[in-house]
């Protein structure tokens, strides 16, 4: 497969402040994604090219399919069920009640139907400008201009019976997460560690153990953000401020491929399309100055990459 066969196209000029959490919904041929600070969950129909948007009452950092219908989303520090038809959100569980400045970042459902996510505390000023936005567990929202309260986040999971379990804390900015093809390894990114980590994973209980790093980002790759896995078990990581997605082999720790995009603030990626051979990439425009916006007119859009020569897997739905 030659690099020249890869095609990159902006399929939606959405102008997201911070687009995140792309999820393919096969039933509707649609891509779901969020715009975190705009408090919007969006659904782009790949056939009609139309976008529907639902606005919620707090920053929304991730969205996932729900087996019983509708969706689930992380809104502020709440796990919510989202009814698309009447645009209502019902709270299933709340975390970090004592941490008023926290909000969820990236989230994803595991192969057993549990919804993983982590909040953190972060100053909007830092988040948007110097550090660059990330996602994950919980993170700390604004305390003072350009001040990040470090290690205020934790990783949680919402089980199908709606109880929440906490896995670990001391998280800076929780971001990409996914599971190996045999469901025995959990891959995880805490962005400020500049590392992709792996844990042993017990699918039956959801327990994780034996944390280790499988890849350290190089300087030009910048900040690791969202992540997905392909059918060959290789990881794809969106690099915030790096303007690229990279393909990694978690077994050897080697980077296999780099795909550069015409925007700097690439935030996350997923596979989609009718056979999951297309990759969709979200990005942000917040944090770009006027010159940057002129140079990157598609910043905040949704990109489709074809010709990668590898397919992804369908997203797992939340089973609660």
Protein backbone atom coordinates (compact mmCIF):
# COMPACT_ATOMS: atom_id res chain seq x y z
CA UNK A 1 0.00 0.00 0.00
CA UNK A 2 1.58 3.27 -1.08
CA UNK A 3 1.11 6.53 0.74
CA UNK A 4 -0.05 8.14 -2.52
CA UNK A 5 -3.32 6.17 -2.43
CA UNK A 6 -4.40 7.91 0.77
CA UNK A 7 -7.03 10.61 0.33
CA UNK A 8 -7.87 13.22 2.97
CA UNK A 9 -11.02 15.27 2.64
CA UNK A 10 -12.90 17.69 4.89
CA UNK A 11 -16.44 16.30 4.66
CA UNK A 12 -18.01 18.78 7.07
CA UNK A 13 -16.98 22.38 7.77
CA UNK A 14 -18.53 22.42 11.23
CA UNK A 15 -16.18 25.00 12.80
CA UNK A 16 -16.12 23.09 16.09
CA UNK A 17 -14.52 24.96 18.97
CA UNK A 18 -13.24 21.56 20.05
CA UNK A 19 -14.59 18.61 18.07
CA UNK A 20 -14.16 15.26 19.81
CA UNK A 21 -15.36 11.69 20.29
CA UNK A 22 -16.19 10.56 16.73
CA UNK A 23 -18.35 7.40 16.74
CA UNK A 24 -19.76 5.65 13.68
CA UNK A 25 -23.40 4.57 13.85
CA UNK A 26 -23.89 1.87 11.26
CA UNK A 27 -27.71 1.81 11.54
CA UNK A 28 -28.04 5.41 10.33
CA UNK A 29 -24.85 5.65 8.20
CA UNK A 30 -23.94 8.55 10.46
CA UNK A 31 -21.00 9.94 12.36
CA UNK A 32 -21.65 11.14 15.89
CA UNK A 33 -19.28 13.62 17.51
CA UNK A 34 -19.30 16.38 20.11
CA UNK A 35 -18.21 20.01 20.29
CA UNK A 36 -17.12 20.18 23.92
CA UNK A 37 -17.35 23.88 24.87
CA UNK A 38 -20.35 24.46 22.59
CA UNK A 39 -22.22 21.80 24.64
CA UNK A 40 -23.36 20.10 21.44
CA UNK A 41 -23.76 16.48 20.36
CA UNK A 42 -23.84 16.29 16.55
CA UNK A 43 -24.90 13.61 14.07
CA UNK A 44 -23.74 13.88 10.47
CA UNK A 45 -25.60 11.74 7.94
CA UNK A 46 -23.01 10.50 5.43
CA UNK A 47 -25.69 9.96 2.76
CA UNK A 48 -27.74 13.17 2.97
CA UNK A 49 -24.75 15.21 4.30
CA UNK A 50 -27.13 16.82 6.81
CA UNK A 51 -26.18 17.53 10.43
CA UNK A 52 -28.48 17.35 13.44
CA UNK A 53 -27.39 18.87 16.75
CA UNK A 54 -28.58 18.48 20.32
CA UNK A 55 -27.50 21.06 22.91
CA UNK A 56 -27.01 19.97 26.53
CA UNK A 57 -26.54 21.99 29.73
CA UNK A 58 -22.77 21.57 30.26
CA UNK A 59 -19.63 20.81 28.24
CA UNK A 60 -20.14 17.44 26.57
CA UNK A 61 -16.93 15.49 26.08
CA UNK A 62 -17.94 12.12 24.64
CA UNK A 63 -20.87 10.25 23.15
CA UNK A 64 -21.49 6.53 22.65
CA UNK A 65 -24.15 4.22 21.25
CA UNK A 66 -26.67 2.63 23.60
CA UNK A 67 -27.87 -0.91 22.95
CA UNK A 68 -31.45 -0.15 24.04
CA UNK A 69 -31.62 2.84 21.68
CA UNK A 70 -30.49 6.42 21.75
CA UNK A 71 -27.07 7.35 23.07
CA UNK A 72 -25.08 7.95 26.23
CA UNK A 73 -22.85 10.95 26.78
CA UNK A 74 -20.54 12.47 29.38
CA UNK A 75 -21.89 15.91 30.25
CA UNK A 76 -19.99 17.93 32.84
CA UNK A 77 -19.30 15.25 35.47
CA UNK A 78 -22.47 13.30 34.67
CA UNK A 79 -23.02 10.12 32.72
CA UNK A 80 -26.26 10.80 30.80
CA UNK A 81 -28.69 8.93 28.57
CA UNK A 82 -29.52 10.97 25.49
CA UNK A 83 -32.87 10.68 23.74
CA UNK A 84 -32.32 12.05 20.25
CA UNK A 85 -35.99 12.29 19.33
CA UNK A 86 -37.03 14.66 22.13
CA UNK A 87 -33.50 16.04 22.73
CA UNK A 88 -33.62 15.15 26.42
CA UNK A 89 -30.75 14.05 28.65
CA UNK A 90 -31.37 11.90 31.75
CA UNK A 91 -28.63 11.61 34.38
CA UNK A 92 -27.55 8.01 35.03
CA UNK A 93 -24.73 8.81 37.49
CA UNK A 94 -22.58 11.70 38.71
CA UNK A 95 -18.91 11.65 39.78
CA UNK A 96 -16.49 14.09 41.45
CA UNK A 97 -19.30 16.00 43.18
CA UNK A 98 -16.82 17.59 45.56
CA UNK A 99 -14.60 18.85 42.71
CA UNK A 100 -16.59 21.77 41.36
CA UNK A 101 -14.07 22.61 38.61
CA UNK A 102 -13.90 19.14 37.11
CA UNK A 103 -15.50 17.90 33.93
CA UNK A 104 -15.30 14.70 31.95
CA UNK A 105 -13.00 14.36 29.00
CA UNK A 106 -12.83 11.45 26.53
CA UNK A 107 -14.98 8.37 27.03
CA UNK A 108 -15.59 5.04 25.31
CA UNK A 109 -17.53 1.80 25.84
CA UNK A 110 -15.65 -1.44 26.49
CA UNK A 111 -16.43 -4.82 24.83
CA UNK A 112 -18.66 -5.78 27.81
CA UNK A 113 -20.78 -2.64 27.50
CA UNK A 114 -19.31 -0.52 30.31
CA UNK A 115 -18.82 3.22 29.65
CA UNK A 116 -15.31 4.39 30.61
CA UNK A 117 -14.52 8.08 31.09
CA UNK A 118 -12.41 10.34 33.25
CA UNK A 119 -12.87 13.90 34.48
CA UNK A 120 -10.08 16.40 35.12
CA UNK A 121 -9.63 20.01 36.21
CA UNK A 122 -8.21 22.34 33.68
CA UNK A 123 -8.00 26.04 33.10
CA UNK A 124 -9.78 26.93 29.90
CA UNK A 125 -6.95 29.31 29.09
CA UNK A 126 -4.34 26.59 29.29
CA UNK A 127 -6.61 24.01 27.74
CA UNK A 128 -7.20 26.11 24.68
CA UNK A 129 -3.86 27.77 24.20
CA UNK A 130 -0.69 26.40 25.64
CA UNK A 131 -1.48 22.83 26.56
CA UNK A 132 -4.07 22.29 23.97
CA UNK A 133 -7.26 20.55 24.63
CA UNK A 134 -7.56 17.00 25.59
CA UNK A 135 -10.11 14.65 26.85
CA UNK A 136 -10.72 11.75 29.06
CA UNK A 137 -11.63 11.02 32.58
CA UNK A 138 -12.37 14.07 34.50
CA UNK A 139 -10.21 17.12 34.26
CA UNK A 140 -10.16 20.43 36.08
CA UNK A 141 -11.97 23.36 34.54
CA UNK A 142 -10.93 26.98 34.99
CA UNK A 143 -9.34 28.01 38.28
CA UNK A 144 -7.26 31.05 37.29
CA UNK A 145 -5.95 32.17 33.91
CA UNK A 146 -3.39 29.73 32.58
CA UNK A 147 -3.27 27.62 35.71
CA UNK A 148 -3.62 23.88 35.45
CA UNK A 149 -4.29 22.00 38.66
CA UNK A 150 -2.29 18.86 38.03
CA UNK A 151 -3.44 15.31 38.66
CA UNK A 152 -7.00 16.14 39.70
CA UNK A 153 -8.68 13.58 37.44
CA UNK A 154 -9.73 9.96 37.88
CA UNK A 155 -10.79 7.16 35.56
CA UNK A 156 -14.31 5.83 36.08
CA UNK A 157 -16.58 3.27 34.49
CA UNK A 158 -20.38 3.29 34.36
CA UNK A 159 -21.53 -0.32 34.58
CA UNK A 160 -24.71 -1.57 32.86
CA UNK A 161 -26.57 -1.47 36.21
CA UNK A 162 -25.64 2.26 36.46
CA UNK A 163 -23.21 1.87 39.37
CA UNK A 164 -19.86 3.62 38.92
CA UNK A 165 -16.43 2.22 39.73
CA UNK A 166 -13.26 4.29 40.10
CA UNK A 167 -10.07 2.76 38.72
CA UNK A 168 -7.33 5.22 39.60
CA UNK A 169 -6.77 8.92 40.19
CA UNK A 170 -3.84 11.33 39.75
CA UNK A 171 -4.86 11.82 36.11
CA UNK A 172 -3.90 15.03 34.31
CA UNK A 173 -5.87 14.96 31.05
CA UNK A 174 -7.53 11.64 30.35
CA UNK A 175 -7.84 10.97 26.65
CA UNK A 176 -7.68 8.10 24.18
CA UNK A 177 -8.85 4.66 25.25
CA UNK A 178 -9.50 1.34 23.53
CA UNK A 179 -9.20 -2.41 23.99
CA UNK A 180 -7.13 -5.05 22.21
CA UNK A 181 -8.80 -7.39 19.73
CA UNK A 182 -8.72 -10.26 22.26
CA UNK A 183 -10.10 -7.92 24.98
CA UNK A 184 -7.17 -8.73 27.29
CA UNK A 185 -5.43 -5.33 27.11
CA UNK A 186 -6.79 -1.85 27.84
CA UNK A 187 -4.95 0.99 26.09
CA UNK A 188 -5.07 4.43 27.66
CA UNK A 189 -3.66 7.93 27.19
CA UNK A 190 -3.10 10.52 29.92
CA UNK A 191 -2.07 13.27 27.52
CA UNK A 192 0.48 15.08 29.65
CA UNK A 193 2.48 11.88 30.10
CA UNK A 194 3.11 11.97 26.30
CA UNK A 195 2.68 8.22 26.40
CA UNK A 196 0.32 5.50 25.22
CA UNK A 197 -0.08 3.06 28.11
CA UNK A 198 -1.37 -0.50 28.37
CA UNK A 199 -3.00 -2.40 31.23
CA UNK A 200 -3.91 -6.04 31.64
CA UNK A 201 -7.69 -6.19 31.35
CA UNK A 202 -10.23 -8.61 32.85
CA UNK A 203 -13.30 -8.42 30.62
CA UNK A 204 -15.51 -10.23 33.15
CA UNK A 205 -14.91 -7.83 36.03
CA UNK A 206 -13.59 -4.74 34.22
CA UNK A 207 -10.51 -4.77 36.48
CA UNK A 208 -7.22 -3.34 35.18
CA UNK A 209 -3.65 -3.95 36.35
CA UNK A 210 0.03 -3.90 35.37
CA UNK A 211 0.30 -0.44 33.79
CA UNK A 212 3.16 0.06 31.32
CA UNK A 213 4.05 2.40 28.47
CA UNK A 214 3.90 1.00 24.94
CA UNK A 215 4.82 4.18 23.05
CA UNK A 216 6.37 7.54 23.94
CA UNK A 217 5.53 10.37 21.56
CA UNK A 218 8.32 12.17 19.72
CA UNK A 219 8.61 15.92 19.94
CA UNK A 220 7.08 16.72 16.56
CA UNK A 221 4.13 14.44 17.30
CA UNK A 222 3.15 16.79 20.14
CA UNK A 223 0.30 15.73 22.47
CA UNK A 224 -1.44 12.33 22.25
CA UNK A 225 -5.22 12.76 22.26
CA UNK A 226 -7.95 10.41 21.00
CA UNK A 227 -7.26 6.87 19.85
CA UNK A 228 -8.82 3.88 18.08
CA UNK A 229 -7.76 0.37 17.10
CA UNK A 230 -7.82 -1.41 13.73
CA UNK A 231 -8.55 -5.07 12.91
CA UNK A 232 -4.83 -5.85 12.94
CA UNK A 233 -4.59 -4.71 16.57
CA UNK A 234 -2.61 -1.57 15.75
CA UNK A 235 -3.43 1.73 17.43
CA UNK A 236 -4.22 5.03 15.70
CA UNK A 237 -3.56 8.13 17.80
CA UNK A 238 -4.63 11.69 16.96
CA UNK A 239 -1.83 14.12 17.87
CA UNK A 240 -3.09 17.45 19.20
CA UNK A 241 -0.96 20.35 17.90
CA UNK A 242 0.80 17.75 15.73
CA UNK A 243 -1.70 17.86 12.85
CA UNK A 244 -1.56 14.12 12.29
CA UNK A 245 -2.72 10.66 13.20
CA UNK A 246 -0.08 8.02 13.79
CA UNK A 247 -0.35 4.24 13.59
CA UNK A 248 1.47 2.33 16.32
CA UNK A 249 2.30 -1.29 16.97
CA UNK A 250 1.71 -1.67 20.73
CA UNK A 251 3.66 -4.94 20.81
CA UNK A 252 6.91 -3.56 19.37
CA UNK A 253 6.47 0.08 20.45
CA UNK A 254 7.19 1.21 16.89
CA UNK A 255 5.39 3.86 14.84
CA UNK A 256 4.28 2.30 11.56
CA UNK A 257 2.70 5.21 9.73
CA UNK A 258 2.04 8.95 9.92
CA UNK A 259 -0.87 10.64 8.13
CA UNK A 260 -0.69 14.44 8.19
CA UNK A 261 -3.82 16.60 8.01
CA UNK A 262 -4.22 20.26 6.90
CA UNK A 263 -5.09 21.29 10.49
CA UNK A 264 -2.91 21.34 13.61
CA UNK A 265 -5.34 20.55 16.39
CA UNK A 266 -6.36 16.99 15.54
CA UNK A 267 -8.23 15.58 18.53
CA UNK A 268 -9.59 12.09 17.87
CA UNK A 269 -10.24 9.41 15.27
CA UNK A 270 -12.49 6.45 14.56
CA UNK A 271 -13.18 4.05 11.71
CA UNK A 272 -16.51 4.14 9.88
CA UNK A 273 -18.21 3.78 6.55
CA UNK A 274 -20.08 0.72 5.39
CA UNK A 275 -17.13 -1.63 5.87
CA UNK A 276 -15.22 0.45 8.46
CA UNK A 277 -12.49 1.19 5.92
CA UNK A 278 -12.77 4.98 6.27
CA UNK A 279 -11.22 6.94 9.12
CA UNK A 280 -12.94 10.02 10.53
CA UNK A 281 -10.90 12.62 12.39
CA UNK A 282 -12.15 15.48 14.60
CA UNK A 283 -10.22 18.65 15.35
CA UNK A 284 -10.41 21.99 17.17
CA UNK A 285 -10.23 25.63 16.14
CA UNK A 286 -10.06 27.12 19.64
CA UNK A 287 -6.50 28.10 20.45
CA UNK A 288 -5.72 29.23 16.88
CA UNK A 289 -5.10 32.94 16.40
CA UNK A 290 -6.49 34.87 13.41
CA UNK A 291 -3.44 34.01 11.30
CA UNK A 292 -3.78 30.34 12.17
CA UNK A 293 -7.45 30.35 11.22
CA UNK A 294 -6.59 31.93 7.85
CA UNK A 295 -3.96 29.27 7.23
CA UNK A 296 -6.27 26.47 8.38
CA UNK A 297 -9.77 27.35 7.12
CA UNK A 298 -10.98 23.79 7.74
CA UNK A 299 -9.99 23.84 11.44
CA UNK A 300 -12.89 22.54 13.51
CA UNK A 301 -14.14 20.40 10.64
CA UNK A 302 -14.62 16.67 10.22
CA UNK A 303 -12.09 14.88 8.02
CA UNK A 304 -12.41 11.57 6.20
CA UNK A 305 -9.31 9.55 5.32
CA UNK A 306 -9.63 6.78 2.72
CA UNK A 307 -7.07 4.42 1.22
CA UNK A 308 -5.43 3.41 4.52
CA UNK A 309 -5.59 -0.25 3.50
CA UNK A 310 -6.86 -1.39 6.90
CA UNK A 311 -10.28 -1.55 8.51
CA UNK A 312 -11.54 -0.74 11.97
CA UNK A 313 -14.16 -2.44 14.13
CA UNK A 314 -17.68 -1.30 15.06
CA UNK A 315 -17.97 0.65 18.31
CA UNK A 316 -19.28 -1.23 21.34
CA UNK A 317 -22.67 -0.03 22.67
CA UNK A 318 -23.38 0.74 26.32
CA UNK A 319 -25.57 -2.12 27.57
CA UNK A 320 -27.29 -0.34 30.48
